[in-house]
């Protein structure tokens, strides 16, 4: 039985459009469109994307490549920033309140269920968590390319810092970028 192609929630695409326009203006968004593969442009410009709809992962993957080629240096850091901000566009005031009063560890425990809410393929799995440390792996998310890795780093870092993690340090034991079969993250904070 064939597995369905990987997809992302439409709200990620809508949030990325919002971020690009607010950060780089209409001219920056046009620059993004000009470098986006022609077959993707309809999604970014002509369709009304519902927040709950599912969009092919290749659109997300290509957005990573385009954003990094225009505003980044290819290491994924610019896309991480985008993902961290886009993640908070979707949070209600109530959710932000609970994240703020919860500990970083409390918030981190929810990462696997958050992944499932926004991505149809792959799994985020907690290997180990304590009061100031967490190990997590992202497996089966190859369909998202480096966007899956950089995006995960962006939203998890933003969530932990919002929840009060100080001096957050992040290392990767494994990464798709290096040809590994999964991404393996270690987070340490005060």
N, C-alpha and C. Protein backbone atom coordinates (compact mmCIF):
# COMPACT_ATOMS: atom_id res chain seq x y z
N UNK A 1 0.85 -1.18 0.00
CA UNK A 1 0.00 0.00 0.00
C UNK A 1 0.89 1.24 0.00
N UNK A 2 0.65 2.13 -0.91
CA UNK A 2 1.45 3.36 -1.02
C UNK A 2 1.04 4.35 0.06
N UNK A 3 2.03 5.08 0.56
CA UNK A 3 1.73 6.10 1.55
C UNK A 3 1.39 7.40 0.84
N UNK A 4 0.54 8.18 1.45
CA UNK A 4 0.13 9.47 0.89
C UNK A 4 1.31 10.43 0.91
N UNK A 5 1.39 11.32 -0.07
CA UNK A 5 2.47 12.31 -0.07
C UNK A 5 2.38 13.23 1.16
N UNK A 6 3.52 13.69 1.61
CA UNK A 6 3.57 14.59 2.77
C UNK A 6 2.89 15.91 2.44
N UNK A 7 2.20 16.46 3.43
CA UNK A 7 1.52 17.75 3.29
C UNK A 7 1.74 18.59 4.55
N UNK A 8 1.45 19.89 4.43
CA UNK A 8 1.48 20.81 5.57
C UNK A 8 0.14 21.53 5.63
N UNK A 9 -0.21 22.00 6.81
CA UNK A 9 -1.45 22.75 6.97
C UNK A 9 -1.35 24.09 6.24
N UNK A 10 -2.46 24.49 5.65
CA UNK A 10 -2.53 25.75 4.92
C UNK A 10 -2.16 26.95 5.75
N UNK A 11 -2.40 26.89 7.05
CA UNK A 11 -2.08 28.05 7.88
C UNK A 11 -0.58 28.34 7.89
N UNK A 12 0.26 27.33 7.62
CA UNK A 12 1.70 27.57 7.53
C UNK A 12 2.01 28.41 6.28
N UNK A 13 1.34 28.10 5.19
CA UNK A 13 1.52 28.87 3.96
C UNK A 13 1.01 30.29 4.17
N UNK A 14 -0.19 30.42 4.75
CA UNK A 14 -0.76 31.75 5.01
C UNK A 14 0.13 32.55 5.95
N UNK A 15 0.66 31.91 6.97
CA UNK A 15 1.56 32.59 7.91
C UNK A 15 2.85 33.02 7.25
N UNK A 16 3.35 32.20 6.33
CA UNK A 16 4.58 32.56 5.61
C UNK A 16 4.34 33.77 4.72
N UNK A 17 3.19 33.81 4.05
CA UNK A 17 2.84 34.98 3.24
C UNK A 17 2.79 36.22 4.12
N UNK A 18 2.11 36.11 5.25
CA UNK A 18 2.02 37.25 6.18
C UNK A 18 3.40 37.71 6.63
N UNK A 19 4.24 36.75 7.04
CA UNK A 19 5.59 37.09 7.49
C UNK A 19 6.37 37.82 6.40
N UNK A 20 6.36 37.27 5.19
CA UNK A 20 7.13 37.87 4.10
C UNK A 20 6.67 39.29 3.80
N UNK A 21 5.35 39.48 3.77
CA UNK A 21 4.82 40.82 3.47
C UNK A 21 5.10 41.81 4.60
N UNK A 22 4.96 41.37 5.85
CA UNK A 22 5.21 42.27 6.98
C UNK A 22 6.70 42.57 7.15
N UNK A 23 7.54 41.62 6.84
CA UNK A 23 8.98 41.79 7.04
C UNK A 23 9.67 42.44 5.85
N UNK A 24 9.31 42.02 4.65
CA UNK A 24 10.02 42.48 3.45
C UNK A 24 9.15 43.34 2.53
N UNK A 25 7.88 43.54 2.89
CA UNK A 25 6.98 44.36 2.08
C UNK A 25 6.54 43.64 0.81
N UNK A 26 5.70 44.33 0.06
CA UNK A 26 5.19 43.76 -1.20
C UNK A 26 6.33 43.49 -2.17
N UNK A 27 7.34 44.38 -2.20
CA UNK A 27 8.48 44.18 -3.11
C UNK A 27 9.24 42.91 -2.74
N UNK A 28 9.41 42.66 -1.44
CA UNK A 28 10.08 41.44 -1.00
C UNK A 28 9.27 40.21 -1.33
N UNK A 29 7.95 40.31 -1.15
CA UNK A 29 7.09 39.17 -1.49
C UNK A 29 7.17 38.88 -2.99
N UNK A 30 7.21 39.93 -3.79
CA UNK A 30 7.34 39.75 -5.24
C UNK A 30 8.68 39.10 -5.59
N UNK A 31 9.71 39.50 -4.88
CA UNK A 31 11.04 38.89 -5.09
C UNK A 31 10.97 37.40 -4.79
N UNK A 32 10.28 37.06 -3.70
CA UNK A 32 10.07 35.65 -3.34
C UNK A 32 9.34 34.92 -4.47
N UNK A 33 8.25 35.53 -4.96
CA UNK A 33 7.48 34.90 -6.03
C UNK A 33 8.31 34.70 -7.29
N UNK A 34 9.13 35.70 -7.61
CA UNK A 34 9.95 35.62 -8.81
C UNK A 34 10.94 34.45 -8.77
N UNK A 35 11.38 34.08 -7.57
CA UNK A 35 12.35 32.97 -7.43
C UNK A 35 11.68 31.64 -7.11
N UNK A 36 10.37 31.68 -6.85
CA UNK A 36 9.62 30.47 -6.53
C UNK A 36 9.37 29.68 -7.82
N UNK A 37 9.45 28.35 -7.79
CA UNK A 37 9.13 27.58 -8.99
C UNK A 37 7.76 27.97 -9.54
N UNK A 38 7.68 28.09 -10.84
CA UNK A 38 6.45 28.55 -11.48
C UNK A 38 5.22 27.75 -11.07
N UNK A 39 5.38 26.44 -10.95
CA UNK A 39 4.24 25.59 -10.59
C UNK A 39 3.75 25.83 -9.16
N UNK A 40 4.55 26.47 -8.32
CA UNK A 40 4.14 26.78 -6.93
C UNK A 40 3.42 28.13 -6.82
N UNK A 41 3.64 29.01 -7.76
CA UNK A 41 3.16 30.40 -7.61
C UNK A 41 1.66 30.51 -7.41
N UNK A 42 0.90 29.62 -8.03
CA UNK A 42 -0.56 29.67 -7.89
C UNK A 42 -0.95 29.54 -6.41
N UNK A 43 -0.27 28.66 -5.71
CA UNK A 43 -0.58 28.48 -4.28
C UNK A 43 -0.32 29.77 -3.51
N UNK A 44 0.76 30.46 -3.86
CA UNK A 44 1.15 31.67 -3.13
C UNK A 44 0.34 32.90 -3.52
N UNK A 45 -0.32 32.86 -4.70
CA UNK A 45 -0.97 34.08 -5.16
C UNK A 45 -2.43 33.95 -5.55
N UNK A 46 -2.82 32.86 -6.16
CA UNK A 46 -4.14 32.80 -6.78
C UNK A 46 -5.18 32.02 -6.00
N UNK A 47 -4.76 31.18 -5.12
CA UNK A 47 -5.72 30.34 -4.41
C UNK A 47 -6.02 30.93 -3.04
N UNK A 48 -7.25 30.75 -2.60
CA UNK A 48 -7.60 31.05 -1.22
C UNK A 48 -7.29 29.80 -0.43
N UNK A 49 -6.26 29.85 0.37
CA UNK A 49 -5.86 28.67 1.14
C UNK A 49 -6.53 28.73 2.51
N UNK A 50 -7.31 27.74 2.80
CA UNK A 50 -7.92 27.65 4.12
C UNK A 50 -6.88 27.19 5.12
N UNK A 51 -6.95 27.71 6.31
CA UNK A 51 -5.98 27.36 7.35
C UNK A 51 -5.98 25.86 7.63
N UNK A 52 -7.12 25.21 7.49
CA UNK A 52 -7.24 23.78 7.81
C UNK A 52 -6.97 22.88 6.61
N UNK A 53 -6.76 23.46 5.43
CA UNK A 53 -6.50 22.63 4.26
C UNK A 53 -5.08 22.08 4.30
N UNK A 54 -4.84 21.05 3.53
CA UNK A 54 -3.51 20.44 3.44
C UNK A 54 -2.90 20.80 2.09
N UNK A 55 -1.65 21.25 2.12
CA UNK A 55 -0.92 21.71 0.95
C UNK A 55 0.26 20.76 0.74
N UNK A 56 0.58 20.40 -0.51
CA UNK A 56 1.71 19.50 -0.74
C UNK A 56 3.01 20.02 -0.10
N UNK A 57 3.74 19.10 0.50
CA UNK A 57 4.98 19.46 1.20
C UNK A 57 6.01 20.11 0.29
N UNK A 58 5.95 19.80 -0.99
CA UNK A 58 6.92 20.38 -1.92
C UNK A 58 6.82 21.91 -1.93
N UNK A 59 5.66 22.46 -1.69
CA UNK A 59 5.48 23.92 -1.64
C UNK A 59 6.28 24.48 -0.46
N UNK A 60 6.19 23.82 0.69
CA UNK A 60 6.92 24.21 1.89
C UNK A 60 8.42 24.04 1.68
N UNK A 61 8.79 22.91 1.11
CA UNK A 61 10.20 22.60 0.84
C UNK A 61 10.80 23.65 -0.11
N UNK A 62 10.08 24.00 -1.16
CA UNK A 62 10.57 25.00 -2.10
C UNK A 62 10.62 26.39 -1.48
N UNK A 63 9.69 26.69 -0.56
CA UNK A 63 9.72 27.99 0.12
C UNK A 63 11.00 28.12 0.93
N UNK A 64 11.41 27.04 1.58
CA UNK A 64 12.68 27.04 2.32
C UNK A 64 13.82 27.43 1.38
N UNK A 65 13.90 26.73 0.26
CA UNK A 65 14.99 26.98 -0.69
C UNK A 65 14.99 28.43 -1.17
N UNK A 66 13.80 28.95 -1.48
CA UNK A 66 13.69 30.32 -1.99
C UNK A 66 14.06 31.34 -0.92
N UNK A 67 13.52 31.19 0.27
CA UNK A 67 13.80 32.14 1.37
C UNK A 67 15.28 32.13 1.71
N UNK A 68 15.85 30.95 1.81
CA UNK A 68 17.28 30.87 2.13
C UNK A 68 18.15 31.45 1.01
N UNK A 69 17.73 31.29 -0.25
CA UNK A 69 18.53 31.82 -1.36
C UNK A 69 18.47 33.34 -1.44
N UNK A 70 17.36 33.92 -1.00
CA UNK A 70 17.22 35.39 -1.08
C UNK A 70 17.77 36.07 0.17
N UNK A 71 17.32 35.62 1.35
CA UNK A 71 17.64 36.34 2.59
C UNK A 71 18.58 35.59 3.53
N UNK A 72 18.87 34.36 3.24
CA UNK A 72 19.73 33.57 4.12
C UNK A 72 21.07 33.27 3.49
N UNK A 73 21.79 32.39 4.15
CA UNK A 73 23.08 31.96 3.59
C UNK A 73 23.12 30.45 3.40
N UNK A 74 21.93 29.83 3.38
CA UNK A 74 21.85 28.40 3.11
C UNK A 74 21.98 27.50 4.32
N UNK A 75 22.14 28.07 5.51
CA UNK A 75 22.29 27.24 6.71
C UNK A 75 20.96 26.98 7.42
N UNK A 76 19.87 27.53 6.90
CA UNK A 76 18.55 27.31 7.49
C UNK A 76 18.16 28.29 8.57
N UNK A 77 19.07 29.14 9.01
CA UNK A 77 18.78 30.06 10.13
C UNK A 77 17.68 31.06 9.81
N UNK A 78 17.64 31.55 8.58
CA UNK A 78 16.59 32.50 8.21
C UNK A 78 15.24 31.81 8.22
N UNK A 79 15.17 30.60 7.70
CA UNK A 79 13.91 29.86 7.71
C UNK A 79 13.50 29.50 9.13
N UNK A 80 14.45 29.22 10.00
CA UNK A 80 14.13 28.98 11.41
C UNK A 80 13.41 30.18 12.00
N UNK A 81 13.91 31.38 11.70
CA UNK A 81 13.27 32.60 12.20
C UNK A 81 11.85 32.71 11.68
N UNK A 82 11.67 32.47 10.39
CA UNK A 82 10.34 32.51 9.79
C UNK A 82 9.41 31.54 10.51
N UNK A 83 9.84 30.30 10.68
CA UNK A 83 9.01 29.26 11.31
C UNK A 83 8.64 29.62 12.75
N UNK A 84 9.59 30.19 13.48
CA UNK A 84 9.31 30.59 14.86
C UNK A 84 8.22 31.65 14.95
N UNK A 85 8.26 32.60 14.05
CA UNK A 85 7.25 33.67 14.05
C UNK A 85 5.92 33.16 13.52
N UNK A 86 5.95 32.39 12.44
CA UNK A 86 4.72 31.85 11.86
C UNK A 86 3.99 30.97 12.87
N UNK A 87 4.70 30.22 13.67
CA UNK A 87 4.07 29.36 14.67
C UNK A 87 3.23 30.17 15.65
N UNK A 88 3.68 31.35 16.00
CA UNK A 88 2.94 32.15 16.96
C UNK A 88 1.77 32.89 16.35
N UNK A 89 1.72 33.03 15.05
CA UNK A 89 0.55 33.62 14.40
C UNK A 89 -0.69 32.79 14.69
N UNK A 90 -0.53 31.49 14.81
CA UNK A 90 -1.66 30.58 14.98
C UNK A 90 -2.15 30.45 16.42
N UNK A 91 -1.37 30.92 17.35
CA UNK A 91 -1.75 30.74 18.76
C UNK A 91 -2.74 31.79 19.23
N UNK A 92 -3.76 31.33 19.90
CA UNK A 92 -4.72 32.25 20.49
C UNK A 92 -4.10 32.89 21.74
N UNK A 93 -4.69 33.96 22.19
CA UNK A 93 -4.23 34.62 23.41
C UNK A 93 -4.25 33.66 24.59
N UNK A 94 -5.27 32.82 24.65
CA UNK A 94 -5.38 31.85 25.74
C UNK A 94 -4.21 30.86 25.71
N UNK A 95 -3.89 30.35 24.51
CA UNK A 95 -2.77 29.41 24.40
C UNK A 95 -1.45 30.07 24.77
N UNK A 96 -1.27 31.31 24.36
CA UNK A 96 -0.04 32.03 24.71
C UNK A 96 0.06 32.20 26.22
N UNK A 97 -1.07 32.45 26.86
CA UNK A 97 -1.09 32.60 28.31
C UNK A 97 -0.65 31.29 28.98
N UNK A 98 -1.21 30.16 28.54
CA UNK A 98 -0.84 28.88 29.14
C UNK A 98 0.62 28.52 28.86
N UNK A 99 1.12 28.89 27.69
CA UNK A 99 2.53 28.65 27.39
C UNK A 99 3.42 29.49 28.30
N UNK A 100 2.97 30.70 28.58
CA UNK A 100 3.78 31.61 29.39
C UNK A 100 3.84 31.15 30.85
N UNK A 101 2.73 30.61 31.35
CA UNK A 101 2.74 30.19 32.75
C UNK A 101 3.25 28.75 32.92
N UNK A 102 3.31 28.00 31.84
CA UNK A 102 3.86 26.64 31.89
C UNK A 102 5.37 26.69 31.86
N UNK A 103 5.99 25.66 32.34
CA UNK A 103 7.45 25.59 32.31
C UNK A 103 7.90 25.19 30.90
N UNK A 104 9.16 25.44 30.56
CA UNK A 104 9.65 24.98 29.27
C UNK A 104 9.46 23.46 29.09
N UNK A 105 9.68 22.69 30.15
CA UNK A 105 9.50 21.25 30.07
C UNK A 105 8.06 20.86 29.79
N UNK A 106 7.13 21.57 30.42
CA UNK A 106 5.70 21.33 30.19
C UNK A 106 5.35 21.57 28.73
N UNK A 107 5.85 22.67 28.17
CA UNK A 107 5.61 23.01 26.77
C UNK A 107 6.28 21.98 25.85
N UNK A 108 7.52 21.60 26.17
CA UNK A 108 8.27 20.67 25.33
C UNK A 108 7.56 19.32 25.22
N UNK A 109 6.92 18.88 26.27
CA UNK A 109 6.21 17.59 26.24
C UNK A 109 5.12 17.55 25.17
N UNK A 110 4.66 18.71 24.75
CA UNK A 110 3.58 18.78 23.76
C UNK A 110 4.09 18.83 22.32
N UNK A 111 5.39 18.90 22.11
CA UNK A 111 5.93 19.01 20.76
C UNK A 111 5.45 17.91 19.81
N UNK A 112 5.43 16.63 20.23
CA UNK A 112 4.96 15.60 19.30
C UNK A 112 3.52 15.82 18.82
N UNK A 113 2.64 16.24 19.70
CA UNK A 113 1.25 16.47 19.27
C UNK A 113 1.14 17.72 18.40
N UNK A 114 1.99 18.71 18.65
CA UNK A 114 2.00 19.90 17.80
C UNK A 114 2.44 19.52 16.39
N UNK A 115 3.47 18.70 16.27
CA UNK A 115 3.94 18.26 14.95
C UNK A 115 2.78 17.66 14.16
N UNK A 116 2.01 16.75 14.77
CA UNK A 116 0.91 16.07 14.10
C UNK A 116 -0.18 17.03 13.63
N UNK A 117 -0.31 18.15 14.33
CA UNK A 117 -1.35 19.13 13.97
C UNK A 117 -1.02 19.83 12.65
N UNK A 118 0.25 20.00 12.34
CA UNK A 118 0.65 20.80 11.19
C UNK A 118 1.26 20.00 10.04
N UNK A 119 1.71 18.78 10.29
CA UNK A 119 2.41 17.99 9.27
C UNK A 119 1.78 16.61 9.18
N UNK A 120 1.52 16.14 7.95
CA UNK A 120 0.84 14.85 7.78
C UNK A 120 1.80 13.66 7.82
N UNK A 121 3.07 13.90 7.56
CA UNK A 121 4.04 12.81 7.51
C UNK A 121 5.08 12.98 8.62
N UNK A 122 5.68 11.89 8.98
CA UNK A 122 6.73 11.93 9.98
C UNK A 122 6.18 12.00 11.39
N UNK A 123 7.12 11.87 12.31
CA UNK A 123 6.76 11.91 13.72
C UNK A 123 7.88 12.59 14.51
N UNK A 124 7.48 13.43 15.44
CA UNK A 124 8.42 14.00 16.41
C UNK A 124 8.25 13.18 17.68
N UNK A 125 9.37 12.69 18.19
CA UNK A 125 9.32 11.80 19.36
C UNK A 125 10.29 12.27 20.41
N UNK A 126 9.82 12.41 21.64
CA UNK A 126 10.67 12.78 22.77
C UNK A 126 11.40 11.53 23.24
N UNK A 127 12.73 11.62 23.32
CA UNK A 127 13.53 10.50 23.83
C UNK A 127 13.77 10.62 25.32
N UNK A 128 13.90 11.88 25.76
CA UNK A 128 14.31 12.13 27.14
C UNK A 128 13.90 13.56 27.47
N UNK A 129 13.38 13.77 28.66
CA UNK A 129 13.06 15.14 29.08
C UNK A 129 13.21 15.25 30.59
N UNK A 130 13.83 16.34 31.03
CA UNK A 130 13.95 16.66 32.46
C UNK A 130 13.54 18.12 32.61
N UNK A 131 13.79 18.68 33.75
CA UNK A 131 13.43 20.07 34.01
C UNK A 131 14.14 21.07 33.13
N UNK A 132 15.32 20.74 32.63
CA UNK A 132 16.05 21.71 31.80
C UNK A 132 16.77 21.08 30.60
N UNK A 133 16.30 19.91 30.19
CA UNK A 133 16.92 19.25 29.04
C UNK A 133 15.89 18.39 28.32
N UNK A 134 16.01 18.33 27.01
CA UNK A 134 15.14 17.48 26.22
C UNK A 134 15.89 16.97 25.01
N UNK A 135 15.63 15.72 24.67
CA UNK A 135 16.12 15.14 23.42
C UNK A 135 14.89 14.74 22.62
N UNK A 136 14.89 15.11 21.33
CA UNK A 136 13.77 14.81 20.46
C UNK A 136 14.31 14.38 19.10
N UNK A 137 13.61 13.45 18.47
CA UNK A 137 13.96 13.06 17.11
C UNK A 137 12.78 13.36 16.19
N UNK A 138 13.12 13.68 14.97
CA UNK A 138 12.15 13.88 13.90
C UNK A 138 12.45 12.80 12.87
N UNK A 139 11.49 11.89 12.69
CA UNK A 139 11.69 10.75 11.80
C UNK A 139 10.59 10.70 10.75
N UNK A 140 10.94 10.18 9.57
CA UNK A 140 9.95 10.00 8.51
C UNK A 140 9.47 11.30 7.89
N UNK A 141 10.24 12.36 8.04
CA UNK A 141 9.84 13.68 7.54
C UNK A 141 10.67 14.11 6.33
N UNK A 142 11.25 13.15 5.63
CA UNK A 142 12.12 13.48 4.50
C UNK A 142 11.39 14.26 3.42
N UNK A 143 10.09 14.07 3.28
CA UNK A 143 9.30 14.76 2.27
C UNK A 143 9.31 16.27 2.42
N UNK A 144 9.68 16.76 3.59
CA UNK A 144 9.74 18.20 3.83
C UNK A 144 11.12 18.77 3.55
N UNK A 145 12.07 17.88 3.29
CA UNK A 145 13.43 18.33 3.03
C UNK A 145 13.99 19.09 4.22
N UNK A 146 14.88 20.01 3.94
CA UNK A 146 15.51 20.80 5.01
C UNK A 146 14.53 21.75 5.66
N UNK A 147 13.40 22.03 5.00
CA UNK A 147 12.36 22.87 5.60
C UNK A 147 11.81 22.22 6.86
N UNK A 148 11.67 20.89 6.85
CA UNK A 148 11.17 20.19 8.03
C UNK A 148 12.09 20.35 9.21
N UNK A 149 13.38 20.23 8.97
CA UNK A 149 14.37 20.37 10.03
C UNK A 149 14.44 21.81 10.53
N UNK A 150 14.68 22.75 9.62
CA UNK A 150 14.82 24.15 10.02
C UNK A 150 13.52 24.68 10.63
N UNK A 151 12.39 24.28 10.06
CA UNK A 151 11.11 24.72 10.61
C UNK A 151 10.90 24.21 12.02
N UNK A 152 11.26 22.94 12.25
CA UNK A 152 11.13 22.36 13.59
C UNK A 152 12.03 23.08 14.59
N UNK A 153 13.25 23.35 14.19
CA UNK A 153 14.16 24.10 15.08
C UNK A 153 13.58 25.47 15.40
N UNK A 154 13.00 26.11 14.41
CA UNK A 154 12.45 27.45 14.63
C UNK A 154 11.29 27.48 15.60
N UNK A 155 10.29 26.63 15.38
CA UNK A 155 9.13 26.70 16.26
C UNK A 155 9.39 26.13 17.63
N UNK A 156 10.25 25.11 17.74
CA UNK A 156 10.53 24.57 19.08
C UNK A 156 11.36 25.56 19.90
N UNK A 157 12.33 26.20 19.25
CA UNK A 157 13.13 27.21 19.96
C UNK A 157 12.24 28.37 20.43
N UNK A 158 11.38 28.85 19.54
CA UNK A 158 10.49 29.96 19.89
C UNK A 158 9.56 29.58 21.05
N UNK A 159 9.02 28.37 21.02
CA UNK A 159 8.11 27.92 22.08
C UNK A 159 8.82 27.81 23.42
N UNK A 160 10.01 27.24 23.42
CA UNK A 160 10.76 27.09 24.68
C UNK A 160 11.14 28.45 25.26
N UNK A 161 11.61 29.35 24.41
CA UNK A 161 11.98 30.69 24.90
C UNK A 161 10.76 31.45 25.39
N UNK A 162 9.63 31.32 24.71
CA UNK A 162 8.39 31.97 25.14
C UNK A 162 7.96 31.44 26.51
N UNK A 163 8.21 30.15 26.74
CA UNK A 163 7.83 29.51 28.01
C UNK A 163 8.84 29.78 29.12
N UNK A 164 9.88 30.56 28.83
CA UNK A 164 10.80 30.95 29.88
C UNK A 164 12.17 30.30 29.86
N UNK A 165 12.48 29.51 28.85
CA UNK A 165 13.81 28.89 28.77
C UNK A 165 14.86 29.98 28.59
N UNK A 166 15.82 30.01 29.46
CA UNK A 166 16.91 31.00 29.40
C UNK A 166 18.18 30.32 28.90
N UNK A 167 18.99 31.08 28.19
CA UNK A 167 20.26 30.57 27.66
C UNK A 167 20.09 29.23 26.96
N UNK A 168 19.09 29.16 26.10
CA UNK A 168 18.79 27.94 25.37
C UNK A 168 19.94 27.56 24.45
N UNK A 169 20.39 26.33 24.59
CA UNK A 169 21.44 25.79 23.73
C UNK A 169 20.86 24.59 23.00
N UNK A 170 21.15 24.53 21.72
CA UNK A 170 20.61 23.48 20.90
C UNK A 170 21.73 22.83 20.11
N UNK A 171 21.79 21.53 20.16
CA UNK A 171 22.76 20.80 19.33
C UNK A 171 21.99 19.73 18.55
N UNK A 172 22.56 19.35 17.44
CA UNK A 172 21.96 18.30 16.64
C UNK A 172 22.95 17.14 16.57
N UNK A 173 22.50 15.99 17.04
CA UNK A 173 23.33 14.79 16.96
C UNK A 173 23.26 14.20 15.56
N UNK A 174 22.13 14.37 14.90
CA UNK A 174 21.93 13.90 13.54
C UNK A 174 21.08 14.93 12.81
N UNK A 175 21.24 14.99 11.47
CA UNK A 175 20.44 15.93 10.69
C UNK A 175 20.35 15.45 9.24
N UNK A 176 19.20 15.65 8.64
CA UNK A 176 19.02 15.35 7.23
C UNK A 176 20.04 16.09 6.38
N UNK A 177 20.41 17.29 6.82
CA UNK A 177 21.39 18.11 6.10
C UNK A 177 22.71 17.36 5.91
N UNK A 178 23.04 16.48 6.86
CA UNK A 178 24.29 15.72 6.80
C UNK A 178 24.10 14.33 6.21
N UNK A 179 22.91 14.06 5.67
CA UNK A 179 22.65 12.76 5.08
C UNK A 179 22.16 11.71 6.07
N UNK A 180 21.90 12.13 7.31
CA UNK A 180 21.38 11.19 8.30
C UNK A 180 19.92 10.86 8.00
N UNK A 181 19.42 9.73 8.48
CA UNK A 181 18.04 9.34 8.19
C UNK A 181 16.99 10.09 9.01
N UNK A 182 17.43 10.82 10.00
CA UNK A 182 16.50 11.57 10.87
C UNK A 182 17.23 12.76 11.45
N UNK A 183 16.46 13.64 12.09
CA UNK A 183 17.05 14.75 12.84
C UNK A 183 16.93 14.42 14.32
N UNK A 184 18.00 14.64 15.05
CA UNK A 184 18.07 14.33 16.49
C UNK A 184 18.54 15.59 17.18
N UNK A 185 17.67 16.18 17.98
CA UNK A 185 17.93 17.46 18.62
C UNK A 185 18.12 17.28 20.13
N UNK A 186 19.04 18.06 20.70
CA UNK A 186 19.22 18.11 22.15
C UNK A 186 19.10 19.58 22.55
N UNK A 187 18.17 19.86 23.46
CA UNK A 187 17.94 21.21 23.96
C UNK A 187 18.33 21.27 25.42
N UNK A 188 19.09 22.30 25.81
CA UNK A 188 19.47 22.55 27.21
C UNK A 188 19.10 24.00 27.52
N UNK A 189 18.55 24.24 28.70
CA UNK A 189 18.19 25.59 29.09
C UNK A 189 18.31 25.75 30.60
N UNK A 190 18.26 26.99 31.03
CA UNK A 190 18.28 27.30 32.47
C UNK A 190 16.89 27.64 32.92
